PDB file of N, CA and C in Angstrom:
ATOM      1  N   MET A   1     214.318 105.027  20.190  1.00  0.00           N
ATOM      2  CA  MET A   1     213.352 103.149  20.871  1.00  0.00           C
ATOM      3  C   MET A   1     214.315 102.661  19.974  1.00  0.00           C
ATOM      4  N   THR A   2     214.199 101.672  20.941  1.00  0.00           N
ATOM      5  CA  THR A   2     215.108 100.476  20.511  1.00  0.00           C
ATOM      6  C   THR A   2     214.510  99.810  19.520  1.00  0.00           C
ATOM      7  N   ASP A   3     215.681  98.453  19.544  1.00  0.00           N
ATOM      8  CA  ASP A   3     214.923  97.856  18.834  1.00  0.00           C
ATOM      9  C   ASP A   3     214.027  96.675  19.048  1.00  0.00           C
ATOM     10  N   SER A   4     213.910  96.640  20.158  1.00  0.00           N
ATOM     11  CA  SER A   4     212.812  95.425  20.401  1.00  0.00           C
ATOM     12  C   SER A   4     211.852  96.089  21.173  1.00  0.00           C
ATOM     13  N   ASN A   5     212.075  97.704  21.482  1.00  0.00           N
ATOM     14  CA  ASN A   5     210.530  98.292  21.517  1.00  0.00           C
ATOM     15  C   ASN A   5     210.258  98.382  20.200  1.00  0.00           C
ATOM     16  N   ARG A   6     210.991  98.522  19.147  1.00  0.00           N
ATOM     17  CA  ARG A   6     210.236  98.602  17.854  1.00  0.00           C
ATOM     18  C   ARG A   6     209.476  97.263  17.377  1.00  0.00           C
ATOM     19  N   SER A   7     210.550  96.251  17.337  1.00  0.00           N
ATOM     20  CA  SER A   7     209.393  94.856  17.111  1.00  0.00           C
ATOM     21  C   SER A   7     208.269  94.724  17.704  1.00  0.00           C
ATOM     22  N   PHE A   8     208.118  95.252  19.287  1.00  0.00           N
ATOM     23  CA  PHE A   8     207.290  95.234  19.949  1.00  0.00           C
ATOM     24  C   PHE A   8     206.088  95.926  19.550  1.00  0.00           C
ATOM     25  N   GLU A   9     206.364  96.934  19.241  1.00  0.00           N
ATOM     26  CA  GLU A   9     205.051  98.213  18.675  1.00  0.00           C
ATOM     27  C   GLU A   9     204.714  97.426  17.446  1.00  0.00           C
ATOM     28  N   GLY A  10     205.364  96.555  16.478  1.00  0.00           N
ATOM     29  CA  GLY A  10     205.309  96.267  15.388  1.00  0.00           C
ATOM     30  C   GLY A  10     204.754  95.205  14.870  1.00  0.00           C
ATOM     31  N   ALA A  11     204.389  94.430  16.518  1.00  0.00           N
ATOM     32  CA  ALA A  11     203.985  93.144  16.293  1.00  0.00           C
ATOM     33  C   ALA A  11     202.495  93.244  16.855  1.00  0.00           C
ATOM     34  N   SER A  12     201.737  92.108  15.780  1.00  0.00           N
ATOM     35  CA  SER A  12     200.768  92.084  16.037  1.00  0.00           C
ATOM     36  C   SER A  12     200.240  90.754  16.525  1.00  0.00           C
ATOM     37  N   VAL A  13     199.359  91.009  17.923  1.00  0.00           N
ATOM     38  CA  VAL A  13     198.732  89.627  18.535  1.00  0.00           C
ATOM     39  C   VAL A  13     197.704  89.242  17.148  1.00  0.00           C
ATOM     40  N   VAL A  14     197.109  89.664  16.438  1.00  0.00           N
ATOM     41  CA  VAL A  14     196.402  88.861  15.618  1.00  0.00           C
ATOM     42  C   VAL A  14     197.319  88.165  14.598  1.00  0.00           C
ATOM     43  N   ALA A  15     198.670  88.628  13.742  1.00  0.00           N
ATOM     44  CA  ALA A  15     199.366  87.844  13.490  1.00  0.00           C
ATOM     45  C   ALA A  15     200.040  86.369  14.176  1.00  0.00           C
ATOM     46  N   ILE A  16     200.605  86.654  15.375  1.00  0.00           N
ATOM     47  CA  ILE A  16     200.893  85.397  15.853  1.00  0.00           C
ATOM     48  C   ILE A  16     199.725  84.534  16.209  1.00  0.00           C
ATOM     49  N   LEU A  17     198.437  85.175  16.590  1.00  0.00           N
ATOM     50  CA  LEU A  17     197.619  83.774  16.950  1.00  0.00           C
ATOM     51  C   LEU A  17     197.108  83.102  15.705  1.00  0.00           C
ATOM     52  N   ALA A  18     197.013  84.117  14.662  1.00  0.00           N
ATOM     53  CA  ALA A  18     196.623  83.301  13.483  1.00  0.00           C
ATOM     54  C   ALA A  18     197.333  82.519  12.832  1.00  0.00           C
ATOM     55  N   LYS A  19     198.845  82.131  13.147  1.00  0.00           N
ATOM     56  CA  LYS A  19     200.093  81.523  12.586  1.00  0.00           C
ATOM     57  C   LYS A  19     200.273  80.443  13.847  1.00  0.00           C
ATOM     58  N   ARG A  20     199.975  80.270  15.074  1.00  0.00           N
ATOM     59  CA  ARG A  20     199.785  79.710  16.125  1.00  0.00           C
ATOM     60  C   ARG A  20     198.545  78.601  15.687  1.00  0.00           C
ATOM     61  N   ALA A  21     197.063  79.318  15.407  1.00  0.00           N
ATOM     62  CA  ALA A  21     196.384  78.356  14.937  1.00  0.00           C
ATOM     63  C   ALA A  21     196.243  77.457  13.860  1.00  0.00           C
ATOM     64  N   ARG A  22     197.076  78.133  13.203  1.00  0.00           N
ATOM     65  CA  ARG A  22     197.268  77.158  11.208  1.00  0.00           C
ATOM     66  C   ARG A  22     198.340  76.257  11.302  1.00  0.00           C
ATOM     67  N   ASP A  23     199.616  76.728  12.710  1.00  0.00           N
ATOM     68  CA  ASP A  23     200.593  75.989  12.839  1.00  0.00           C
ATOM     69  C   ASP A  23     200.121  74.762  13.959  1.00  0.00           C
ATOM     70  N   ASP A  24     199.493  75.198  14.953  1.00  0.00           N
ATOM     71  CA  ASP A  24     199.960  74.007  16.179  1.00  0.00           C
ATOM     72  C   ASP A  24     198.191  74.117  16.758  1.00  0.00           C
ATOM     73  N   ARG A  25     196.918  73.845  16.416  1.00  0.00           N
ATOM     74  CA  ARG A  25     195.932  74.374  17.218  1.00  0.00           C
ATOM     75  C   ARG A  25     195.575  73.562  18.788  1.00  0.00           C
ATOM     76  N   ASP A  26     196.419  72.573  18.934  1.00  0.00           N
ATOM     77  CA  ASP A  26     196.583  71.771  19.894  1.00  0.00           C
ATOM     78  C   ASP A  26     196.824  72.790  21.516  1.00  0.00           C
ATOM     79  N   THR A  27     198.166  73.445  20.653  1.00  0.00           N
ATOM     80  CA  THR A  27     198.548  74.050  22.035  1.00  0.00           C
ATOM     81  C   THR A  27     198.454  75.970  21.794  1.00  0.00           C
ATOM     82  N   LEU A  28     197.379  75.939  20.521  1.00  0.00           N
ATOM     83  CA  LEU A  28     197.067  77.673  20.992  1.00  0.00           C
ATOM     84  C   LEU A  28     195.858  77.566  22.565  1.00  0.00           C
ATOM     85  N   LEU A  29     194.956  77.049  22.457  1.00  0.00           N
ATOM     86  CA  LEU A  29     194.083  77.050  23.846  1.00  0.00           C
ATOM     87  C   LEU A  29     195.446  77.445  24.932  1.00  0.00           C
ATOM     88  N   ASP A  30     196.309  76.429  24.935  1.00  0.00           N
ATOM     89  CA  ASP A  30     196.962  76.320  26.195  1.00  0.00           C
ATOM     90  C   ASP A  30     197.912  77.121  26.264  1.00  0.00           C
ATOM     91  N   ASP A  31     198.552  78.047  25.320  1.00  0.00           N
ATOM     92  CA  ASP A  31     199.476  79.302  25.001  1.00  0.00           C
ATOM     93  C   ASP A  31     198.213  80.759  25.355  1.00  0.00           C
ATOM     94  N   LEU A  32     196.972  80.940  25.247  1.00  0.00           N
ATOM     95  CA  LEU A  32     195.907  81.774  25.351  1.00  0.00           C
ATOM     96  C   LEU A  32     196.178  81.485  26.973  1.00  0.00           C
ATOM     97  N   VAL A  33     195.504  80.405  27.744  1.00  0.00           N
ATOM     98  CA  VAL A  33     195.504  80.679  29.163  1.00  0.00           C
ATOM     99  C   VAL A  33     196.932  81.108  29.949  1.00  0.00           C
ATOM    100  N   GLU A  34     197.776  80.287  29.244  1.00  0.00           N
ATOM    101  CA  GLU A  34     199.226  81.102  29.946  1.00  0.00           C
ATOM    102  C   GLU A  34     198.692  82.459  29.713  1.00  0.00           C
ATOM    103  N   MET A  35     199.042  83.244  28.972  1.00  0.00           N
ATOM    104  CA  MET A  35     199.293  84.579  28.746  1.00  0.00           C
ATOM    105  C   MET A  35     198.076  85.476  29.635  1.00  0.00           C
ATOM    106  N   LEU A  36     197.083  84.854  29.452  1.00  0.00           N
ATOM    107  CA  LEU A  36     195.774  85.431  30.096  1.00  0.00           C
ATOM    108  C   LEU A  36     195.344  85.496  31.283  1.00  0.00           C
ATOM    109  N   SER A  37     195.567  84.291  31.839  1.00  0.00           N
ATOM    110  CA  SER A  37     195.207  84.418  33.170  1.00  0.00           C
ATOM    111  C   SER A  37     195.702  84.792  34.326  1.00  0.00           C
ATOM    112  N   THR A  38     196.900  85.531  34.237  1.00  0.00           N
ATOM    113  CA  THR A  38     197.877  86.529  34.903  1.00  0.00           C
ATOM    114  C   THR A  38     196.945  87.689  34.548  1.00  0.00           C
ATOM    115  N   VAL A  39     196.596  88.343  32.921  1.00  0.00           N
ATOM    116  CA  VAL A  39     196.958  89.408  33.093  1.00  0.00           C
ATOM    117  C   VAL A  39     195.495  90.058  33.059  1.00  0.00           C
ATOM    118  N   VAL A  40     194.668  89.557  32.474  1.00  0.00           N
ATOM    119  CA  VAL A  40     193.192  90.066  32.201  1.00  0.00           C
ATOM    120  C   VAL A  40     192.349  88.858  33.118  1.00  0.00           C
ATOM    121  N   PRO A  41     191.625  90.418  34.133  1.00  0.00           N
ATOM    122  CA  PRO A  41     190.976  89.758  34.622  1.00  0.00           C
ATOM    123  C   PRO A  41     189.468  89.173  34.439  1.00  0.00           C
ATOM    124  N   GLY A  42     188.977  88.420  34.932  1.00  0.00           N
ATOM    125  CA  GLY A  42     188.131  87.267  34.774  1.00  0.00           C
ATOM    126  C   GLY A  42     188.247  86.106  33.682  1.00  0.00           C
ATOM    127  N   VAL A  43     189.261  85.614  33.683  1.00  0.00           N
ATOM    128  CA  VAL A  43     189.751  84.948  32.431  1.00  0.00           C
ATOM    129  C   VAL A  43     188.724  83.696  33.300  1.00  0.00           C
ATOM    130  N   GLN A  44     188.280  82.612  32.517  1.00  0.00           N
ATOM    131  CA  GLN A  44     187.913  80.866  32.721  1.00  0.00           C
ATOM    132  C   GLN A  44     187.990  80.349  32.719  1.00  0.00           C
ATOM    133  N   VAL A  45     189.025  79.558  32.985  1.00  0.00           N
ATOM    134  CA  VAL A  45     189.923  77.736  32.481  1.00  0.00           C
ATOM    135  C   VAL A  45     188.662  76.507  32.742  1.00  0.00           C
ATOM    136  N   GLN A  46     188.566  76.219  32.075  1.00  0.00           N
ATOM    137  CA  GLN A  46     188.196  75.087  32.474  1.00  0.00           C
ATOM    138  C   GLN A  46     189.299  73.314  32.002  1.00  0.00           C
ATOM    139  N   HIS A  47     189.028  72.379  32.681  1.00  0.00           N
ATOM    140  CA  HIS A  47     190.123  71.791  32.860  1.00  0.00           C
ATOM    141  C   HIS A  47     189.744  69.915  32.603  1.00  0.00           C
ATOM    142  N   ALA A  48     190.504  69.332  31.566  1.00  0.00           N
ATOM    143  CA  ALA A  48     189.410  67.884  31.522  1.00  0.00           C
ATOM    144  C   ALA A  48     190.096  67.209  32.853  1.00  0.00           C
ATOM    145  N   LEU A  49     189.091  66.214  33.288  1.00  0.00           N
ATOM    146  CA  LEU A  49     189.813  65.844  34.384  1.00  0.00           C
ATOM    147  C   LEU A  49     190.788  64.811  34.672  1.00  0.00           C
ATOM    148  N   ILE A  50     191.238  64.261  33.762  1.00  0.00           N
ATOM    149  CA  ILE A  50     192.146  63.428  33.005  1.00  0.00           C
ATOM    150  C   ILE A  50     193.396  64.154  32.595  1.00  0.00           C
ATOM    151  N   ARG A  51     194.706  64.005  32.855  1.00  0.00           N
ATOM    152  CA  ARG A  51     195.410  64.911  31.880  1.00  0.00           C
ATOM    153  C   ARG A  51     195.737  66.471  31.684  1.00  0.00           C
ATOM    154  N   ARG A  52     194.510  66.983  32.704  1.00  0.00           N
ATOM    155  CA  ARG A  52     194.340  68.417  32.955  1.00  0.00           C
ATOM    156  C   ARG A  52     194.450  69.239  32.023  1.00  0.00           C
ATOM    157  N   ARG A  53     194.364  68.547  31.045  1.00  0.00           N
ATOM    158  CA  ARG A  53     194.270  69.687  29.309  1.00  0.00           C
ATOM    159  C   ARG A  53     193.413  70.633  29.447  1.00  0.00           C
ATOM    160  N   VAL A  54     193.501  71.570  28.967  1.00  0.00           N
ATOM    161  CA  VAL A  54     192.601  72.726  28.825  1.00  0.00           C
ATOM    162  C   VAL A  54     191.704  72.342  28.231  1.00  0.00           C
ATOM    163  N   THR A  55     190.057  72.720  28.233  1.00  0.00           N
ATOM    164  CA  THR A  55     188.976  71.866  27.031  1.00  0.00           C
ATOM    165  C   THR A  55     188.303  73.432  27.234  1.00  0.00           C
ATOM    166  N   ALA A  56     188.376  74.388  27.927  1.00  0.00           N
ATOM    167  CA  ALA A  56     187.832  75.306  27.649  1.00  0.00           C
ATOM    168  C   ALA A  56     188.496  77.235  28.434  1.00  0.00           C
ATOM    169  N   VAL A  57     188.316  77.842  27.442  1.00  0.00           N
ATOM    170  CA  VAL A  57     188.742  79.103  27.887  1.00  0.00           C
ATOM    171  C   VAL A  57     187.515  80.048  27.716  1.00  0.00           C
ATOM    172  N   ARG A  58     187.176  81.336  28.758  1.00  0.00           N
ATOM    173  CA  ARG A  58     186.296  82.115  28.641  1.00  0.00           C
ATOM    174  C   ARG A  58     187.294  83.235  28.856  1.00  0.00           C
ATOM    175  N   ILE A  59     186.996  84.669  27.991  1.00  0.00           N
ATOM    176  CA  ILE A  59     188.357  86.150  28.044  1.00  0.00           C
ATOM    177  C   ILE A  59     186.568  86.856  28.122  1.00  0.00           C
ATOM    178  N   PRO A  60     186.890  87.604  28.723  1.00  0.00           N
ATOM    179  CA  PRO A  60     185.765  89.027  29.069  1.00  0.00           C
ATOM    180  C   PRO A  60     187.227  89.945  28.872  1.00  0.00           C
ATOM    181  N   LEU A  61     186.381  90.255  27.267  1.00  0.00           N
ATOM    182  CA  LEU A  61     187.413  91.713  26.815  1.00  0.00           C
ATOM    183  C   LEU A  61     186.012  92.752  26.788  1.00  0.00           C
ATOM    184  N   GLY A  62     186.170  94.041  26.467  1.00  0.00           N
ATOM    185  CA  GLY A  62     185.613  95.055  25.969  1.00  0.00           C
ATOM    186  C   GLY A  62     184.139  94.390  26.150  1.00  0.00           C
ATOM    187  N   ASP A  63     183.245  94.829  25.093  1.00  0.00           N
ATOM    188  CA  ASP A  63     181.536  94.489  25.470  1.00  0.00           C
ATOM    189  C   ASP A  63     181.083  93.064  25.258  1.00  0.00           C
ATOM    190  N   TYR A  64     182.229  91.959  25.114  1.00  0.00           N
ATOM    191  CA  TYR A  64     182.140  90.684  24.743  1.00  0.00           C
ATOM    192  C   TYR A  64     182.826  89.682  25.377  1.00  0.00           C
ATOM    193  N   VAL A  65     182.098  88.634  25.842  1.00  0.00           N
ATOM    194  CA  VAL A  65     183.721  87.478  26.218  1.00  0.00           C
ATOM    195  C   VAL A  65     183.703  86.669  25.153  1.00  0.00           C
ATOM    196  N   TYR A  66     184.474  86.136  24.771  1.00  0.00           N
ATOM    197  CA  TYR A  66     185.043  84.881  24.161  1.00  0.00           C
ATOM    198  C   TYR A  66     185.383  83.862  24.242  1.00  0.00           C
ATOM    199  N   GLY A  67     184.839  83.099  24.290  1.00  0.00           N
ATOM    200  CA  GLY A  67     184.948  81.450  24.254  1.00  0.00           C
ATOM    201  C   GLY A  67     185.425  80.505  23.416  1.00  0.00           C
ATOM    202  N   LEU A  68     186.280  79.520  23.990  1.00  0.00           N
ATOM    203  CA  LEU A  68     186.819  78.479  22.993  1.00  0.00           C
ATOM    204  C   LEU A  68     186.799  77.502  23.925  1.00  0.00           C
ATOM    205  N   THR A  69     186.521  76.117  23.259  1.00  0.00           N
ATOM    206  CA  THR A  69     185.984  74.792  23.389  1.00  0.00           C
ATOM    207  C   THR A  69     186.856  73.992  22.279  1.00  0.00           C
ATOM    208  N   ARG A  70     187.413  73.227  23.572  1.00  0.00           N
ATOM    209  CA  ARG A  70     188.287  71.739  22.566  1.00  0.00           C
ATOM    210  C   ARG A  70     187.388  70.917  23.191  1.00  0.00           C
ATOM    211  N   SER A  71     186.774  69.853  21.532  1.00  0.00           N
ATOM    212  CA  SER A  71     186.001  68.672  21.950  1.00  0.00           C
ATOM    213  C   SER A  71     187.106  67.806  22.326  1.00  0.00           C
ATOM    214  N   PRO A  72     186.557  66.447  22.653  1.00  0.00           N
ATOM    215  CA  PRO A  72     187.202  65.565  22.962  1.00  0.00           C
ATOM    216  C   PRO A  72     188.240  64.948  21.364  1.00  0.00           C
ATOM    217  N   SER A  73     187.648  65.344  20.308  1.00  0.00           N
ATOM    218  CA  SER A  73     187.840  65.055  18.977  1.00  0.00           C
ATOM    219  C   SER A  73     189.102  66.119  18.502  1.00  0.00           C
ATOM    220  N   GLY A  74     189.189  66.907  19.266  1.00  0.00           N
ATOM    221  CA  GLY A  74     190.293  67.962  19.008  1.00  0.00           C
ATOM    222  C   GLY A  74     189.255  68.886  18.233  1.00  0.00           C
ATOM    223  N   SER A  75     188.844  68.652  17.640  1.00  0.00           N
ATOM    224  CA  SER A  75     188.107  70.028  16.697  1.00  0.00           C
ATOM    225  C   SER A  75     187.982  71.128  18.100  1.00  0.00           C
ATOM    226  N   PHE A  76     187.454  72.647  17.081  1.00  0.00           N
ATOM    227  CA  PHE A  76     187.058  73.684  18.438  1.00  0.00           C
ATOM    228  C   PHE A  76     185.797  74.810  18.562  1.00  0.00           C
ATOM    229  N   GLU A  77     185.441  74.472  19.129  1.00  0.00           N
ATOM    230  CA  GLU A  77     183.746  75.605  19.430  1.00  0.00           C
ATOM    231  C   GLU A  77     184.387  77.154  19.199  1.00  0.00           C
ATOM    232  N   ALA A  78     184.246  78.334  18.510  1.00  0.00           N
ATOM    233  CA  ALA A  78     184.503  79.566  19.267  1.00  0.00           C
ATOM    234  C   ALA A  78     182.897  80.310  19.003  1.00  0.00           C
ATOM    235  N   VAL A  79     183.173  81.511  19.916  1.00  0.00           N
ATOM    236  CA  VAL A  79     181.796  82.142  19.921  1.00  0.00           C
ATOM    237  C   VAL A  79     182.112  83.609  20.578  1.00  0.00           C
ATOM    238  N   ARG A  80     181.495  84.532  20.490  1.00  0.00           N
ATOM    239  CA  ARG A  80     181.309  85.794  20.440  1.00  0.00           C
ATOM    240  C   ARG A  80     180.281  86.339  21.746  1.00  0.00           C
ATOM    241  N   LEU A  81     180.172  85.988  22.778  1.00  0.00           N
ATOM    242  CA  LEU A  81     179.165  86.445  23.913  1.00  0.00           C
ATOM    243  C   LEU A  81     179.140  87.697  24.132  1.00  0.00           C
ATOM    244  N   GLN A  82     177.985  88.680  24.172  1.00  0.00           N
ATOM    245  CA  GLN A  82     177.485  89.504  24.413  1.00  0.00           C
ATOM    246  C   GLN A  82     176.519  89.313  25.702  1.00  0.00           C
ATOM    247  N   GLU A  83     176.982  90.066  26.710  1.00  0.00           N
ATOM    248  CA  GLU A  83     176.350  89.837  27.788  1.00  0.00           C
ATOM    249  C   GLU A  83     176.536  91.289  28.882  1.00  0.00           C
ATOM    250  N   VAL A  84     175.109  91.565  29.429  1.00  0.00           N
ATOM    251  CA  VAL A  84     174.519  92.607  30.033  1.00  0.00           C
ATOM    252  C   VAL A  84     174.377  92.670  31.189  1.00  0.00           C
ATOM    253  N   ARG A  85     174.496  92.842  31.898  1.00  0.00           N
ATOM    254  CA  ARG A  85     174.807  92.869  33.330  1.00  0.00           C
ATOM    255  C   ARG A  85     174.885  91.259  33.800  1.00  0.00           C
ATOM    256  N   GLY A  86     175.649  90.807  33.353  1.00  0.00           N
ATOM    257  CA  GLY A  86     176.138  89.214  34.023  1.00  0.00           C
ATOM    258  C   GLY A  86     175.077  88.240  32.765  1.00  0.00           C
ATOM    259  N   VAL A  87     174.336  88.854  32.029  1.00  0.00           N
ATOM    260  CA  VAL A  87     173.523  87.645  31.155  1.00  0.00           C
ATOM    261  C   VAL A  87     173.751  88.101  29.690  1.00  0.00           C
ATOM    262  N   VAL A  88     173.925  86.711  28.947  1.00  0.00           N
ATOM    263  CA  VAL A  88     173.962  86.113  27.696  1.00  0.00           C
ATOM    264  C   VAL A  88     172.633  86.946  26.996  1.00  0.00           C
ATOM    265  N   VAL A  89     172.790  87.807  25.976  1.00  0.00           N
ATOM    266  CA  VAL A  89     172.184  88.338  24.991  1.00  0.00           C
ATOM    267  C   VAL A  89     172.101  87.990  24.227  1.00  0.00           C
ATOM    268  N   ARG A  90     173.686  87.831  23.355  1.00  0.00           N
ATOM    269  CA  ARG A  90     173.559  87.018  22.237  1.00  0.00           C
ATOM    270  C   ARG A  90     174.784  86.192  22.054  1.00  0.00           C
ATOM    271  N   THR A  91     174.469  85.221  21.088  1.00  0.00           N
ATOM    272  CA  THR A  91     175.741  84.517  20.908  1.00  0.00           C
ATOM    273  C   THR A  91     175.884  84.181  19.350  1.00  0.00           C
ATOM    274  N   VAL A  92     177.117  84.720  19.392  1.00  0.00           N
ATOM    275  CA  VAL A  92     177.739  84.483  18.099  1.00  0.00           C
ATOM    276  C   VAL A  92     178.384  83.478  17.722  1.00  0.00           C
ATOM    277  N   PRO A  93     178.086  82.269  17.030  1.00  0.00           N
ATOM    278  CA  PRO A  93     179.290  81.209  16.596  1.00  0.00           C
ATOM    279  C   PRO A  93     180.260  82.124  15.778  1.00  0.00           C
ATOM    280  N   LEU A  94     181.369  81.875  15.834  1.00  0.00           N
ATOM    281  CA  LEU A  94     182.432  82.267  14.685  1.00  0.00           C
ATOM    282  C   LEU A  94     183.390  81.148  14.291  1.00  0.00           C
ATOM    283  N   GLU A  95     184.003  81.369  13.122  1.00  0.00           N
ATOM    284  CA  GLU A  95     184.761  80.167  12.109  1.00  0.00           C
ATOM    285  C   GLU A  95     186.293  80.429  13.336  1.00  0.00           C
ATOM    286  N   ILE A  96     186.602  79.690  13.352  1.00  0.00           N
ATOM    287  CA  ILE A  96     188.381  79.733  14.253  1.00  0.00           C
ATOM    288  C   ILE A  96     189.164  81.101  13.859  1.00  0.00           C
ATOM    289  N   ASP A  97     189.019  80.884  12.590  1.00  0.00           N
ATOM    290  CA  ASP A  97     190.141  81.888  11.905  1.00  0.00           C
ATOM    291  C   ASP A  97     189.397  83.573  12.453  1.00  0.00           C
ATOM    292  N   ALA A  98     187.771  83.783  12.159  1.00  0.00           N
ATOM    293  CA  ALA A  98     187.696  85.139  12.263  1.00  0.00           C
ATOM    294  C   ALA A  98     187.667  85.096  13.894  1.00  0.00           C
ATOM    295  N   PHE A  99     187.500  84.123  14.803  1.00  0.00           N
ATOM    296  CA  PHE A  99     187.460  84.173  16.199  1.00  0.00           C
ATOM    297  C   PHE A  99     189.173  84.910  16.737  1.00  0.00           C
ATOM    298  N   VAL A 100     189.898  84.290  16.020  1.00  0.00           N
ATOM    299  CA  VAL A 100     191.253  84.217  16.378  1.00  0.00           C
ATOM    300  C   VAL A 100     191.544  85.877  16.164  1.00  0.00           C
ATOM    301  N   GLU A 101     191.150  86.389  14.591  1.00  0.00           N
ATOM    302  CA  GLU A 101     191.396  88.153  14.419  1.00  0.00           C
ATOM    303  C   GLU A 101     190.879  88.822  15.278  1.00  0.00           C
ATOM    304  N   GLU A 102     189.414  88.430  15.850  1.00  0.00           N
ATOM    305  CA  GLU A 102     188.943  89.233  16.413  1.00  0.00           C
ATOM    306  C   GLU A 102     189.162  89.264  17.766  1.00  0.00           C
ATOM    307  N   LEU A 103     189.278  88.174  18.050  1.00  0.00           N
ATOM    308  CA  LEU A 103     190.388  88.565  19.934  1.00  0.00           C
ATOM    309  C   LEU A 103     191.776  88.514  20.031  1.00  0.00           C
ATOM    310  N   GLY A 104     192.420  88.531  18.857  1.00  0.00           N
ATOM    311  CA  GLY A 104     193.509  89.233  18.950  1.00  0.00           C
ATOM    312  C   GLY A 104     193.859  90.728  18.950  1.00  0.00           C
ATOM    313  N   LEU A 105     192.473  91.572  18.231  1.00  0.00           N
ATOM    314  CA  LEU A 105     192.466  92.709  17.594  1.00  0.00           C
ATOM    315  C   LEU A 105     191.701  93.251  19.686  1.00  0.00           C
ATOM    316  N   ALA A 106     191.426  92.331  19.790  1.00  0.00           N
ATOM    317  CA  ALA A 106     190.507  93.359  21.216  1.00  0.00           C
ATOM    318  C   ALA A 106     191.287  92.817  22.456  1.00  0.00           C
ATOM    319  N   LEU A 107     192.554  91.784  21.963  1.00  0.00           N
ATOM    320  CA  LEU A 107     193.241  91.905  23.144  1.00  0.00           C
ATOM    321  C   LEU A 107     194.828  92.526  23.059  1.00  0.00           C
ATOM    322  N   GLU A 108     194.887  93.157  21.806  1.00  0.00           N
ATOM    323  CA  GLU A 108     195.521  94.104  21.897  1.00  0.00           C
ATOM    324  C   GLU A 108     195.368  95.527  22.363  1.00  0.00           C
ATOM    325  N   VAL A 109     194.147  95.614  22.268  1.00  0.00           N
ATOM    326  CA  VAL A 109     193.543  96.936  22.822  1.00  0.00           C
ATOM    327  C   VAL A 109     193.917  96.996  24.253  1.00  0.00           C
ATOM    328  N   GLU A 110     193.133  95.590  24.969  1.00  0.00           N
ATOM    329  CA  GLU A 110     193.064  95.523  26.168  1.00  0.00           C
ATOM    330  C   GLU A 110     194.243  95.398  26.770  1.00  0.00           C
ATOM    331  N   LEU A 111     195.028  94.430  26.341  1.00  0.00           N
ATOM    332  CA  LEU A 111     196.890  94.580  26.820  1.00  0.00           C
ATOM    333  C   LEU A 111     197.808  95.952  26.614  1.00  0.00           C
ATOM    334  N   HIS A 112     197.183  96.918  25.647  1.00  0.00           N
ATOM    335  CA  HIS A 112     197.993  97.825  25.792  1.00  0.00           C
ATOM    336  C   HIS A 112     197.568  98.960  26.445  1.00  0.00           C
ATOM    337  N   ARG A 113     196.246  98.581  27.451  1.00  0.00           N
ATOM    338  CA  ARG A 113     195.851  99.488  28.162  1.00  0.00           C
ATOM    339  C   ARG A 113     196.858 100.144  29.609  1.00  0.00           C
ATOM    340  N   THR A 114     197.158  98.519  29.880  1.00  0.00           N
ATOM    341  CA  THR A 114     198.032  99.087  31.396  1.00  0.00           C
ATOM    342  C   THR A 114     199.865  98.281  31.169  1.00  0.00           C
ATOM    343  N   GLU A 115     200.287  98.406  32.051  1.00  0.00           N
ATOM    344  CA  GLU A 115     201.586  98.498  32.105  1.00  0.00           C
ATOM    345  C   GLU A 115     201.451  96.726  31.970  1.00  0.00           C
ATOM    346  N   ARG A 116     200.911  96.300  33.007  1.00  0.00           N
ATOM    347  CA  ARG A 116     201.252  95.066  33.550  1.00  0.00           C
ATOM    348  C   ARG A 116     201.001  94.459  32.060  1.00  0.00           C
ATOM    349  N   GLY A 117     199.777  94.919  31.243  1.00  0.00           N
ATOM    350  CA  GLY A 117     199.451  94.306  30.276  1.00  0.00           C
ATOM    351  C   GLY A 117     200.582  94.655  29.072  1.00  0.00           C
ATOM    352  N   ARG A 118     201.116  95.274  28.979  1.00  0.00           N
ATOM    353  CA  ARG A 118     202.173  95.687  27.761  1.00  0.00           C
ATOM    354  C   ARG A 118     203.135  95.019  28.355  1.00  0.00           C
ATOM    355  N   GLU A 119     203.827  94.705  29.722  1.00  0.00           N
ATOM    356  CA  GLU A 119     205.365  93.829  29.777  1.00  0.00           C
ATOM    357  C   GLU A 119     204.680  92.704  29.637  1.00  0.00           C
ATOM    358  N   ALA A 120     203.351  91.757  29.623  1.00  0.00           N
ATOM    359  CA  ALA A 120     202.519  90.589  29.565  1.00  0.00           C
ATOM    360  C   ALA A 120     203.136  90.064  27.686  1.00  0.00           C
ATOM    361  N   LEU A 121     202.165  91.055  27.349  1.00  0.00           N
ATOM    362  CA  LEU A 121     201.803  90.755  25.775  1.00  0.00           C
ATOM    363  C   LEU A 121     203.620  91.183  25.369  1.00  0.00           C
ATOM    364  N   ARG A 122     204.188  91.738  25.613  1.00  0.00           N
ATOM    365  CA  ARG A 122     205.955  92.385  25.467  1.00  0.00           C
ATOM    366  C   ARG A 122     206.429  90.831  25.399  1.00  0.00           C
ATOM    367  N   ALA A 123     206.672  89.644  26.729  1.00  0.00           N
ATOM    368  CA  ALA A 123     207.031  89.212  26.492  1.00  0.00           C
ATOM    369  C   ALA A 123     206.486  87.751  25.919  1.00  0.00           C
ATOM    370  N   TRP A 124     205.166  87.569  25.761  1.00  0.00           N
ATOM    371  CA  TRP A 124     204.483  86.997  24.814  1.00  0.00           C
ATOM    372  C   TRP A 124     204.691  86.812  23.562  1.00  0.00           C
ATOM    373  N   LEU A 125     204.746  87.858  22.935  1.00  0.00           N
ATOM    374  CA  LEU A 125     205.475  88.427  21.606  1.00  0.00           C
ATOM    375  C   LEU A 125     206.716  87.851  21.486  1.00  0.00           C
ATOM    376  N   SER A 126     207.985  87.586  22.718  1.00  0.00           N
ATOM    377  CA  SER A 126     208.884  87.825  21.907  1.00  0.00           C
ATOM    378  C   SER A 126     209.326  86.354  22.455  1.00  0.00           C
ATOM    379  N   GLY A 127     208.652  85.607  22.988  1.00  0.00           N
ATOM    380  CA  GLY A 127     208.428  84.128  22.828  1.00  0.00           C
ATOM    381  C   GLY A 127     207.941  83.599  22.093  1.00  0.00           C
ATOM    382  N   ASN A 128     206.936  84.178  21.078  1.00  0.00           N
ATOM    383  CA  ASN A 128     206.252  83.714  20.270  1.00  0.00           C
ATOM    384  C   ASN A 128     206.699  84.216  18.861  1.00  0.00           C
ATOM    385  N   SER A 129     207.566  85.079  18.456  1.00  0.00           N
ATOM    386  CA  SER A 129     208.147  85.634  17.414  1.00  0.00           C
ATOM    387  C   SER A 129     209.057  84.498  16.718  1.00  0.00           C
TER     388      SER A 129
END
């Protein structure tokens, strides 16, 4: 196993997301969208009309949909939605730290499932190390 494979396997999406959430929340949403929009099917992104800044993202992973919305003031609202046949049956508001941790774990599982996901995760982790 090469050094780059070892660092990839040992890297944690949760740890990187948590660091990004602490360091620069303004770019957290943009970074998530950039990585996920090409890898995870069904990601929905909303942009502001002015400056085309990302204002919200919905990420379907496993049995849940994770939603993160940025208000005009810059604060974040995070939720975990449980959908059954396309209908939201439960909405759980989350603190940003809990959201980042849950989303990171769900992303690791999802992205490790496919070769395309592993390549995207490897590229993202190496760019955020």
